[in-house]
Amino acid sequence: MASKRELKKDIDYLVGEVISDCYTYMVINGQKKRDDAIAIIESIIEKRNELIHRIKHPAQKNDRKAVKAHYREIQHDILKSIDEHFTKLSELTK
């Protein structure tokens, strides 16, 4: 398992990539579907804040296996969320 610090850095990096691509989309396409791109940015920021909160407050601190499972679930959730947001962004380009 990666450290909490590394997990937070990974989340911030991936969220930053989504936001960067949304801004790139808005620069290239101007006002076309701008509100949809902003909605994607707001959604990914909310997800980031939720995941950071989950990292800081694990449910069961005493059970080592439960803690590892908790962090694995967070890793899975961030990858799933990033994929969903990139998919939404790619739908805007069609």
PDB file of N, CA and C in Angstrom:
ATOM      1  N   MET A   1       0.841  -1.178   0.000  1.00  0.00           N
ATOM      2  CA  MET A   1       0.000   0.000   0.000  1.00  0.00           C
ATOM      3  C   MET A   1       0.888   1.244   0.000  1.00  0.00           C
ATOM      4  N   ALA A   2       0.520   2.191  -0.823  1.00  0.00           N
ATOM      5  CA  ALA A   2       1.234   3.463  -0.848  1.00  0.00           C
ATOM      6  C   ALA A   2       0.885   4.265   0.399  1.00  0.00           C
ATOM      7  N   SER A   3       1.718   5.219   0.691  1.00  0.00           N
ATOM      8  CA  SER A   3       1.455   6.049   1.865  1.00  0.00           C
ATOM      9  C   SER A   3       0.265   6.978   1.590  1.00  0.00           C
ATOM     10  N   LYS A   4      -0.278   7.509   2.664  1.00  0.00           N
ATOM     11  CA  LYS A   4      -1.389   8.456   2.532  1.00  0.00           C
ATOM     12  C   LYS A   4      -0.949   9.658   1.707  1.00  0.00           C
ATOM     13  N   ARG A   5       0.252  10.092   1.958  1.00  0.00           N
ATOM     14  CA  ARG A   5       0.780  11.257   1.260  1.00  0.00           C
ATOM     15  C   ARG A   5       0.844  11.010  -0.244  1.00  0.00           C
ATOM     16  N   GLU A   6       1.352   9.851  -0.641  1.00  0.00           N
ATOM     17  CA  GLU A   6       1.448   9.516  -2.061  1.00  0.00           C
ATOM     18  C   GLU A   6       0.064   9.372  -2.682  1.00  0.00           C
ATOM     19  N   LEU A   7      -0.860   8.808  -1.944  1.00  0.00           N
ATOM     20  CA  LEU A   7      -2.228   8.651  -2.441  1.00  0.00           C
ATOM     21  C   LEU A   7      -2.875  10.019  -2.676  1.00  0.00           C
ATOM     22  N   LYS A   8      -2.665  10.946  -1.757  1.00  0.00           N
ATOM     23  CA  LYS A   8      -3.198  12.301  -1.921  1.00  0.00           C
ATOM     24  C   LYS A   8      -2.562  12.986  -3.134  1.00  0.00           C
ATOM     25  N   LYS A   9      -1.257  12.802  -3.310  1.00  0.00           N
ATOM     26  CA  LYS A   9      -0.574  13.394  -4.458  1.00  0.00           C
ATOM     27  C   LYS A   9      -1.109  12.817  -5.765  1.00  0.00           C
ATOM     28  N   ASP A  10      -1.340  11.510  -5.793  1.00  0.00           N
ATOM     29  CA  ASP A  10      -1.887  10.874  -6.988  1.00  0.00           C
ATOM     30  C   ASP A  10      -3.274  11.422  -7.315  1.00  0.00           C
ATOM     31  N   ILE A  11      -4.097  11.576  -6.293  1.00  0.00           N
ATOM     32  CA  ILE A  11      -5.441  12.117  -6.495  1.00  0.00           C
ATOM     33  C   ILE A  11      -5.350  13.529  -7.059  1.00  0.00           C
ATOM     34  N   ASP A  12      -4.512  14.358  -6.456  1.00  0.00           N
ATOM     35  CA  ASP A  12      -4.376  15.731  -6.926  1.00  0.00           C
ATOM     36  C   ASP A  12      -3.853  15.791  -8.369  1.00  0.00           C
ATOM     37  N   TYR A  13      -2.915  14.921  -8.687  1.00  0.00           N
ATOM     38  CA  TYR A  13      -2.376  14.896 -10.043  1.00  0.00           C
ATOM     39  C   TYR A  13      -3.447  14.522 -11.058  1.00  0.00           C
ATOM     40  N   LEU A  14      -4.185  13.449 -10.771  1.00  0.00           N
ATOM     41  CA  LEU A  14      -5.207  12.981 -11.707  1.00  0.00           C
ATOM     42  C   LEU A  14      -6.340  13.997 -11.862  1.00  0.00           C
ATOM     43  N   VAL A  15      -6.749  14.593 -10.759  1.00  0.00           N
ATOM     44  CA  VAL A  15      -7.790  15.621 -10.817  1.00  0.00           C
ATOM     45  C   VAL A  15      -7.283  16.818 -11.622  1.00  0.00           C
ATOM     46  N   GLY A  16      -6.032  17.166 -11.426  1.00  0.00           N
ATOM     47  CA  GLY A  16      -5.437  18.264 -12.187  1.00  0.00           C
ATOM     48  C   GLY A  16      -5.433  17.994 -13.683  1.00  0.00           C
ATOM     49  N   GLU A  17      -5.217  16.754 -14.065  1.00  0.00           N
ATOM     50  CA  GLU A  17      -5.242  16.388 -15.478  1.00  0.00           C
ATOM     51  C   GLU A  17      -6.634  16.560 -16.077  1.00  0.00           C
ATOM     52  N   VAL A  18      -7.648  16.154 -15.339  1.00  0.00           N
ATOM     53  CA  VAL A  18      -9.023  16.322 -15.822  1.00  0.00           C
ATOM     54  C   VAL A  18      -9.347  17.804 -15.977  1.00  0.00           C
ATOM     55  N   ILE A  19      -8.996  18.583 -14.967  1.00  0.00           N
ATOM     56  CA  ILE A  19      -9.280  20.025 -15.010  1.00  0.00           C
ATOM     57  C   ILE A  19      -8.518  20.681 -16.163  1.00  0.00           C
ATOM     58  N   SER A  20      -7.277  20.301 -16.337  1.00  0.00           N
ATOM     59  CA  SER A  20      -6.471  20.853 -17.427  1.00  0.00           C
ATOM     60  C   SER A  20      -7.101  20.537 -18.788  1.00  0.00           C
ATOM     61  N   ASP A  21      -7.549  19.312 -18.966  1.00  0.00           N
ATOM     62  CA  ASP A  21      -8.177  18.949 -20.228  1.00  0.00           C
ATOM     63  C   ASP A  21      -9.496  19.690 -20.435  1.00  0.00           C
ATOM     64  N   CYS A  22     -10.240  19.935 -19.362  1.00  0.00           N
ATOM     65  CA  CYS A  22     -11.478  20.709 -19.476  1.00  0.00           C
ATOM     66  C   CYS A  22     -11.184  22.139 -19.911  1.00  0.00           C
ATOM     67  N   TYR A  23     -10.161  22.752 -19.329  1.00  0.00           N
ATOM     68  CA  TYR A  23      -9.800  24.109 -19.725  1.00  0.00           C
ATOM     69  C   TYR A  23      -9.291  24.151 -21.166  1.00  0.00           C
ATOM     70  N   THR A  24      -8.545  23.146 -21.558  1.00  0.00           N
ATOM     71  CA  THR A  24      -8.087  23.064 -22.944  1.00  0.00           C
ATOM     72  C   THR A  24      -9.279  22.968 -23.892  1.00  0.00           C
ATOM     73  N   TYR A  25     -10.257  22.159 -23.513  1.00  0.00           N
ATOM     74  CA  TYR A  25     -11.472  22.036 -24.310  1.00  0.00           C
ATOM     75  C   TYR A  25     -12.174  23.392 -24.438  1.00  0.00           C
ATOM     76  N   MET A  26     -12.270  24.119 -23.331  1.00  0.00           N
ATOM     77  CA  MET A  26     -12.955  25.413 -23.357  1.00  0.00           C
ATOM     78  C   MET A  26     -12.194  26.435 -24.205  1.00  0.00           C
ATOM     79  N   VAL A  27     -10.854  26.394 -24.180  1.00  0.00           N
ATOM     80  CA  VAL A  27     -10.060  27.322 -24.986  1.00  0.00           C
ATOM     81  C   VAL A  27     -10.245  27.016 -26.476  1.00  0.00           C
ATOM     82  N   ILE A  28     -10.246  25.753 -26.810  1.00  0.00           N
ATOM     83  CA  ILE A  28     -10.360  25.362 -28.216  1.00  0.00           C
ATOM     84  C   ILE A  28     -11.766  25.628 -28.757  1.00  0.00           C
ATOM     85  N   ASN A  29     -12.787  25.342 -27.968  1.00  0.00           N
ATOM     86  CA  ASN A  29     -14.163  25.418 -28.452  1.00  0.00           C
ATOM     87  C   ASN A  29     -14.904  26.683 -28.068  1.00  0.00           C
ATOM     88  N   GLY A  30     -14.296  27.569 -27.349  1.00  0.00           N
ATOM     89  CA  GLY A  30     -14.946  28.818 -26.976  1.00  0.00           C
ATOM     90  C   GLY A  30     -16.142  28.588 -26.065  1.00  0.00           C
ATOM     91  N   GLN A  31     -17.253  29.228 -26.380  1.00  0.00           N
ATOM     92  CA  GLN A  31     -18.442  29.150 -25.529  1.00  0.00           C
ATOM     93  C   GLN A  31     -19.271  27.882 -25.762  1.00  0.00           C
ATOM     94  N   LYS A  32     -18.908  27.098 -26.748  1.00  0.00           N
ATOM     95  CA  LYS A  32     -19.651  25.887 -27.074  1.00  0.00           C
ATOM     96  C   LYS A  32     -19.553  24.871 -25.923  1.00  0.00           C
ATOM     97  N   LYS A  33     -20.667  24.562 -25.303  1.00  0.00           N
ATOM     98  CA  LYS A  33     -20.767  23.589 -24.206  1.00  0.00           C
ATOM     99  C   LYS A  33     -19.860  23.932 -23.022  1.00  0.00           C
ATOM    100  N   ARG A  34     -19.627  25.206 -22.824  1.00  0.00           N
ATOM    101  CA  ARG A  34     -18.765  25.665 -21.724  1.00  0.00           C
ATOM    102  C   ARG A  34     -19.331  25.258 -20.365  1.00  0.00           C
ATOM    103  N   ASP A  35     -20.644  25.386 -20.210  1.00  0.00           N
ATOM    104  CA  ASP A  35     -21.275  25.041 -18.934  1.00  0.00           C
ATOM    105  C   ASP A  35     -21.103  23.559 -18.597  1.00  0.00           C
ATOM    106  N   ASP A  36     -21.123  22.715 -19.624  1.00  0.00           N
ATOM    107  CA  ASP A  36     -20.921  21.282 -19.393  1.00  0.00           C
ATOM    108  C   ASP A  36     -19.500  20.994 -18.909  1.00  0.00           C
ATOM    109  N   ALA A  37     -18.529  21.687 -19.480  1.00  0.00           N
ATOM    110  CA  ALA A  37     -17.133  21.506 -19.066  1.00  0.00           C
ATOM    111  C   ALA A  37     -16.941  22.000 -17.632  1.00  0.00           C
ATOM    112  N   ILE A  38     -17.581  23.107 -17.296  1.00  0.00           N
ATOM    113  CA  ILE A  38     -17.480  23.626 -15.933  1.00  0.00           C
ATOM    114  C   ILE A  38     -18.140  22.663 -14.941  1.00  0.00           C
ATOM    115  N   ALA A  39     -19.234  22.043 -15.362  1.00  0.00           N
ATOM    116  CA  ALA A  39     -19.900  21.051 -14.502  1.00  0.00           C
ATOM    117  C   ALA A  39     -18.985  19.854 -14.236  1.00  0.00           C
ATOM    118  N   ILE A  40     -18.218  19.451 -15.234  1.00  0.00           N
ATOM    119  CA  ILE A  40     -17.264  18.354 -15.045  1.00  0.00           C
ATOM    120  C   ILE A  40     -16.197  18.760 -14.039  1.00  0.00           C
ATOM    121  N   ILE A  41     -15.701  19.979 -14.145  1.00  0.00           N
ATOM    122  CA  ILE A  41     -14.684  20.468 -13.211  1.00  0.00           C
ATOM    123  C   ILE A  41     -15.235  20.482 -11.783  1.00  0.00           C
ATOM    124  N   GLU A  42     -16.436  21.012 -11.612  1.00  0.00           N
ATOM    125  CA  GLU A  42     -17.040  21.062 -10.276  1.00  0.00           C
ATOM    126  C   GLU A  42     -17.244  19.668  -9.704  1.00  0.00           C
ATOM    127  N   SER A  43     -17.668  18.752 -10.553  1.00  0.00           N
ATOM    128  CA  SER A  43     -17.920  17.381 -10.105  1.00  0.00           C
ATOM    129  C   SER A  43     -16.638  16.693  -9.649  1.00  0.00           C
ATOM    130  N   ILE A  44     -15.554  16.856 -10.424  1.00  0.00           N
ATOM    131  CA  ILE A  44     -14.302  16.183 -10.065  1.00  0.00           C
ATOM    132  C   ILE A  44     -13.699  16.803  -8.813  1.00  0.00           C
ATOM    133  N   ILE A  45     -13.903  18.097  -8.598  1.00  0.00           N
ATOM    134  CA  ILE A  45     -13.395  18.726  -7.378  1.00  0.00           C
ATOM    135  C   ILE A  45     -14.158  18.206  -6.156  1.00  0.00           C
ATOM    136  N   GLU A  46     -15.470  18.038  -6.299  1.00  0.00           N
ATOM    137  CA  GLU A  46     -16.260  17.468  -5.198  1.00  0.00           C
ATOM    138  C   GLU A  46     -15.788  16.054  -4.872  1.00  0.00           C
ATOM    139  N   LYS A  47     -15.529  15.261  -5.911  1.00  0.00           N
ATOM    140  CA  LYS A  47     -15.055  13.886  -5.707  1.00  0.00           C
ATOM    141  C   LYS A  47     -13.682  13.900  -5.033  1.00  0.00           C
ATOM    142  N   ARG A  48     -12.814  14.810  -5.438  1.00  0.00           N
ATOM    143  CA  ARG A  48     -11.488  14.924  -4.830  1.00  0.00           C
ATOM    144  C   ARG A  48     -11.610  15.216  -3.345  1.00  0.00           C
ATOM    145  N   ASN A  49     -12.463  16.175  -3.003  1.00  0.00           N
ATOM    146  CA  ASN A  49     -12.631  16.530  -1.598  1.00  0.00           C
ATOM    147  C   ASN A  49     -13.183  15.356  -0.786  1.00  0.00           C
ATOM    148  N   GLU A  50     -14.105  14.615  -1.377  1.00  0.00           N
ATOM    149  CA  GLU A  50     -14.658  13.439  -0.696  1.00  0.00           C
ATOM    150  C   GLU A  50     -13.570  12.393  -0.444  1.00  0.00           C
ATOM    151  N   LEU A  51     -12.741  12.137  -1.449  1.00  0.00           N
ATOM    152  CA  LEU A  51     -11.696  11.127  -1.312  1.00  0.00           C
ATOM    153  C   LEU A  51     -10.632  11.541  -0.304  1.00  0.00           C
ATOM    154  N   ILE A  52     -10.252  12.803  -0.309  1.00  0.00           N
ATOM    155  CA  ILE A  52      -9.274  13.286   0.666  1.00  0.00           C
ATOM    156  C   ILE A  52      -9.835  13.137   2.079  1.00  0.00           C
ATOM    157  N   HIS A  53     -11.104  13.435   2.242  1.00  0.00           N
ATOM    158  CA  HIS A  53     -11.747  13.269   3.554  1.00  0.00           C
ATOM    159  C   HIS A  53     -11.722  11.797   3.973  1.00  0.00           C
ATOM    160  N   ARG A  54     -11.990  10.896   3.025  1.00  0.00           N
ATOM    161  CA  ARG A  54     -11.966   9.464   3.337  1.00  0.00           C
ATOM    162  C   ARG A  54     -10.558   8.994   3.716  1.00  0.00           C
ATOM    163  N   ILE A  55      -9.542   9.583   3.106  1.00  0.00           N
ATOM    164  CA  ILE A  55      -8.164   9.219   3.452  1.00  0.00           C
ATOM    165  C   ILE A  55      -7.854   9.656   4.874  1.00  0.00           C
ATOM    166  N   LYS A  56      -8.266  10.852   5.222  1.00  0.00           N
ATOM    167  CA  LYS A  56      -7.963  11.396   6.546  1.00  0.00           C
ATOM    168  C   LYS A  56      -8.752  10.735   7.666  1.00  0.00           C
ATOM    169  N   HIS A  57      -9.898  10.143   7.341  1.00  0.00           N
ATOM    170  CA  HIS A  57     -10.771   9.575   8.368  1.00  0.00           C
ATOM    171  C   HIS A  57     -11.160   8.133   8.047  1.00  0.00           C
ATOM    172  N   PRO A  58     -10.212   7.196   8.172  1.00  0.00           N
ATOM    173  CA  PRO A  58     -10.585   5.790   7.931  1.00  0.00           C
ATOM    174  C   PRO A  58     -11.557   5.306   9.012  1.00  0.00           C
ATOM    175  N   ALA A  59     -12.450   4.417   8.615  1.00  0.00           N
ATOM    176  CA  ALA A  59     -13.508   3.964   9.519  1.00  0.00           C
ATOM    177  C   ALA A  59     -12.955   3.135  10.684  1.00  0.00           C
ATOM    178  N   GLN A  60     -12.125   2.159  10.373  1.00  0.00           N
ATOM    179  CA  GLN A  60     -11.611   1.258  11.415  1.00  0.00           C
ATOM    180  C   GLN A  60     -10.099   1.396  11.492  1.00  0.00           C
ATOM    181  N   LYS A  61      -9.633   2.067  12.496  1.00  0.00           N
ATOM    182  CA  LYS A  61      -8.200   2.338  12.612  1.00  0.00           C
ATOM    183  C   LYS A  61      -7.414   1.173  13.209  1.00  0.00           C
ATOM    184  N   ASN A  62      -8.075   0.291  13.925  1.00  0.00           N
ATOM    185  CA  ASN A  62      -7.363  -0.770  14.635  1.00  0.00           C
ATOM    186  C   ASN A  62      -7.166  -2.034  13.807  1.00  0.00           C
ATOM    187  N   ASP A  63      -8.021  -2.297  12.871  1.00  0.00           N
ATOM    188  CA  ASP A  63      -7.941  -3.508  12.061  1.00  0.00           C
ATOM    189  C   ASP A  63      -7.113  -3.235  10.805  1.00  0.00           C
ATOM    190  N   ARG A  64      -5.905  -3.805  10.770  1.00  0.00           N
ATOM    191  CA  ARG A  64      -4.963  -3.536   9.676  1.00  0.00           C
ATOM    192  C   ARG A  64      -5.519  -3.946   8.315  1.00  0.00           C
ATOM    193  N   LYS A  65      -6.185  -5.103   8.253  1.00  0.00           N
ATOM    194  CA  LYS A  65      -6.740  -5.568   6.978  1.00  0.00           C
ATOM    195  C   LYS A  65      -7.858  -4.651   6.501  1.00  0.00           C
ATOM    196  N   ALA A  66      -8.660  -4.178   7.417  1.00  0.00           N
ATOM    197  CA  ALA A  66      -9.756  -3.284   7.055  1.00  0.00           C
ATOM    198  C   ALA A  66      -9.216  -1.946   6.549  1.00  0.00           C
ATOM    199  N   VAL A  67      -8.141  -1.479   7.154  1.00  0.00           N
ATOM    200  CA  VAL A  67      -7.537  -0.211   6.731  1.00  0.00           C
ATOM    201  C   VAL A  67      -6.955  -0.359   5.324  1.00  0.00           C
ATOM    202  N   LYS A  68      -6.265  -1.467   5.070  1.00  0.00           N
ATOM    203  CA  LYS A  68      -5.718  -1.702   3.737  1.00  0.00           C
ATOM    204  C   LYS A  68      -6.827  -1.788   2.700  1.00  0.00           C
ATOM    205  N   ALA A  69      -7.899  -2.474   3.050  1.00  0.00           N
ATOM    206  CA  ALA A  69      -9.033  -2.579   2.134  1.00  0.00           C
ATOM    207  C   ALA A  69      -9.655  -1.206   1.884  1.00  0.00           C
ATOM    208  N   HIS A  70      -9.695  -0.394   2.918  1.00  0.00           N
ATOM    209  CA  HIS A  70     -10.240   0.960   2.809  1.00  0.00           C
ATOM    210  C   HIS A  70      -9.441   1.782   1.796  1.00  0.00           C
ATOM    211  N   TYR A  71      -8.128   1.727   1.872  1.00  0.00           N
ATOM    212  CA  TYR A  71      -7.283   2.499   0.961  1.00  0.00           C
ATOM    213  C   TYR A  71      -7.296   1.923  -0.449  1.00  0.00           C
ATOM    214  N   ARG A  72      -7.416   0.604  -0.577  1.00  0.00           N
ATOM    215  CA  ARG A  72      -7.557  -0.004  -1.901  1.00  0.00           C
ATOM    216  C   ARG A  72      -8.854   0.453  -2.558  1.00  0.00           C
ATOM    217  N   GLU A  73      -9.896   0.551  -1.770  1.00  0.00           N
ATOM    218  CA  GLU A  73     -11.188   1.019  -2.276  1.00  0.00           C
ATOM    219  C   GLU A  73     -11.085   2.470  -2.748  1.00  0.00           C
ATOM    220  N   ILE A  74     -10.356   3.287  -2.012  1.00  0.00           N
ATOM    221  CA  ILE A  74     -10.150   4.681  -2.415  1.00  0.00           C
ATOM    222  C   ILE A  74      -9.395   4.739  -3.742  1.00  0.00           C
ATOM    223  N   GLN A  75      -8.355   3.916  -3.883  1.00  0.00           N
ATOM    224  CA  GLN A  75      -7.604   3.876  -5.135  1.00  0.00           C
ATOM    225  C   GLN A  75      -8.512   3.477  -6.296  1.00  0.00           C
ATOM    226  N   HIS A  76      -9.340   2.486  -6.068  1.00  0.00           N
ATOM    227  CA  HIS A  76     -10.262   2.039  -7.104  1.00  0.00           C
ATOM    228  C   HIS A  76     -11.269   3.137  -7.446  1.00  0.00           C
ATOM    229  N   ASP A  77     -11.787   3.814  -6.436  1.00  0.00           N
ATOM    230  CA  ASP A  77     -12.780   4.864  -6.644  1.00  0.00           C
ATOM    231  C   ASP A  77     -12.215   6.037  -7.438  1.00  0.00           C
ATOM    232  N   ILE A  78     -10.977   6.424  -7.159  1.00  0.00           N
ATOM    233  CA  ILE A  78     -10.414   7.557  -7.892  1.00  0.00           C
ATOM    234  C   ILE A  78     -10.202   7.197  -9.354  1.00  0.00           C
ATOM    235  N   LEU A  79      -9.722   6.002  -9.621  1.00  0.00           N
ATOM    236  CA  LEU A  79      -9.512   5.606 -11.014  1.00  0.00           C
ATOM    237  C   LEU A  79     -10.840   5.520 -11.765  1.00  0.00           C
ATOM    238  N   LYS A  80     -11.845   4.986 -11.113  1.00  0.00           N
ATOM    239  CA  LYS A  80     -13.173   4.885 -11.723  1.00  0.00           C
ATOM    240  C   LYS A  80     -13.735   6.281 -11.993  1.00  0.00           C
ATOM    241  N   SER A  81     -13.603   7.171 -11.037  1.00  0.00           N
ATOM    242  CA  SER A  81     -14.120   8.525 -11.176  1.00  0.00           C
ATOM    243  C   SER A  81     -13.393   9.294 -12.276  1.00  0.00           C
ATOM    244  N   ILE A  82     -12.093   9.171 -12.327  1.00  0.00           N
ATOM    245  CA  ILE A  82     -11.306   9.857 -13.358  1.00  0.00           C
ATOM    246  C   ILE A  82     -11.727   9.359 -14.734  1.00  0.00           C
ATOM    247  N   ASP A  83     -11.899   8.055 -14.870  1.00  0.00           N
ATOM    248  CA  ASP A  83     -12.326   7.486 -16.145  1.00  0.00           C
ATOM    249  C   ASP A  83     -13.705   8.015 -16.550  1.00  0.00           C
ATOM    250  N   GLU A  84     -14.629   8.085 -15.591  1.00  0.00           N
ATOM    251  CA  GLU A  84     -15.968   8.591 -15.877  1.00  0.00           C
ATOM    252  C   GLU A  84     -15.923  10.050 -16.332  1.00  0.00           C
ATOM    253  N   HIS A  85     -15.108  10.856 -15.679  1.00  0.00           N
ATOM    254  CA  HIS A  85     -15.035  12.267 -16.029  1.00  0.00           C
ATOM    255  C   HIS A  85     -14.363  12.479 -17.386  1.00  0.00           C
ATOM    256  N   PHE A  86     -13.335  11.692 -17.696  1.00  0.00           N
ATOM    257  CA  PHE A  86     -12.730  11.787 -19.016  1.00  0.00           C
ATOM    258  C   PHE A  86     -13.717  11.341 -20.094  1.00  0.00           C
ATOM    259  N   THR A  87     -14.531  10.342 -19.773  1.00  0.00           N
ATOM    260  CA  THR A  87     -15.549   9.890 -20.722  1.00  0.00           C
ATOM    261  C   THR A  87     -16.580  10.989 -20.971  1.00  0.00           C
ATOM    262  N   LYS A  88     -17.004  11.672 -19.906  1.00  0.00           N
ATOM    263  CA  LYS A  88     -17.936  12.792 -20.079  1.00  0.00           C
ATOM    264  C   LYS A  88     -17.327  13.890 -20.943  1.00  0.00           C
ATOM    265  N   LEU A  89     -16.061  14.170 -20.727  1.00  0.00           N
ATOM    266  CA  LEU A  89     -15.388  15.199 -21.507  1.00  0.00           C
ATOM    267  C   LEU A  89     -15.271  14.780 -22.974  1.00  0.00           C
ATOM    268  N   SER A  90     -14.969  13.525 -23.215  1.00  0.00           N
ATOM    269  CA  SER A  90     -14.860  13.072 -24.602  1.00  0.00           C
ATOM    270  C   SER A  90     -16.219  13.092 -25.295  1.00  0.00           C
ATOM    271  N   GLU A  91     -17.304  12.911 -24.542  1.00  0.00           N
ATOM    272  CA  GLU A  91     -18.646  13.008 -25.126  1.00  0.00           C
ATOM    273  C   GLU A  91     -18.938  14.444 -25.585  1.00  0.00           C
ATOM    274  N   LEU A  92     -18.374  15.423 -24.890  1.00  0.00           N
ATOM    275  CA  LEU A  92     -18.581  16.819 -25.285  1.00  0.00           C
ATOM    276  C   LEU A  92     -17.958  17.129 -26.641  1.00  0.00           C
ATOM    277  N   THR A  93     -16.904  16.444 -26.970  1.00  0.00           N
ATOM    278  CA  THR A  93     -16.192  16.742 -28.221  1.00  0.00           C
ATOM    279  C   THR A  93     -16.907  16.184 -29.442  1.00  0.00           C
ATOM    280  N   LYS A  94     -17.878  15.336 -29.241  1.00  0.00           N
ATOM    281  CA  LYS A  94     -18.585  14.739 -30.378  1.00  0.00           C
ATOM    282  C   LYS A  94     -19.610  15.673 -30.956  1.00  0.00           C
TER     283      LYS A  94
END
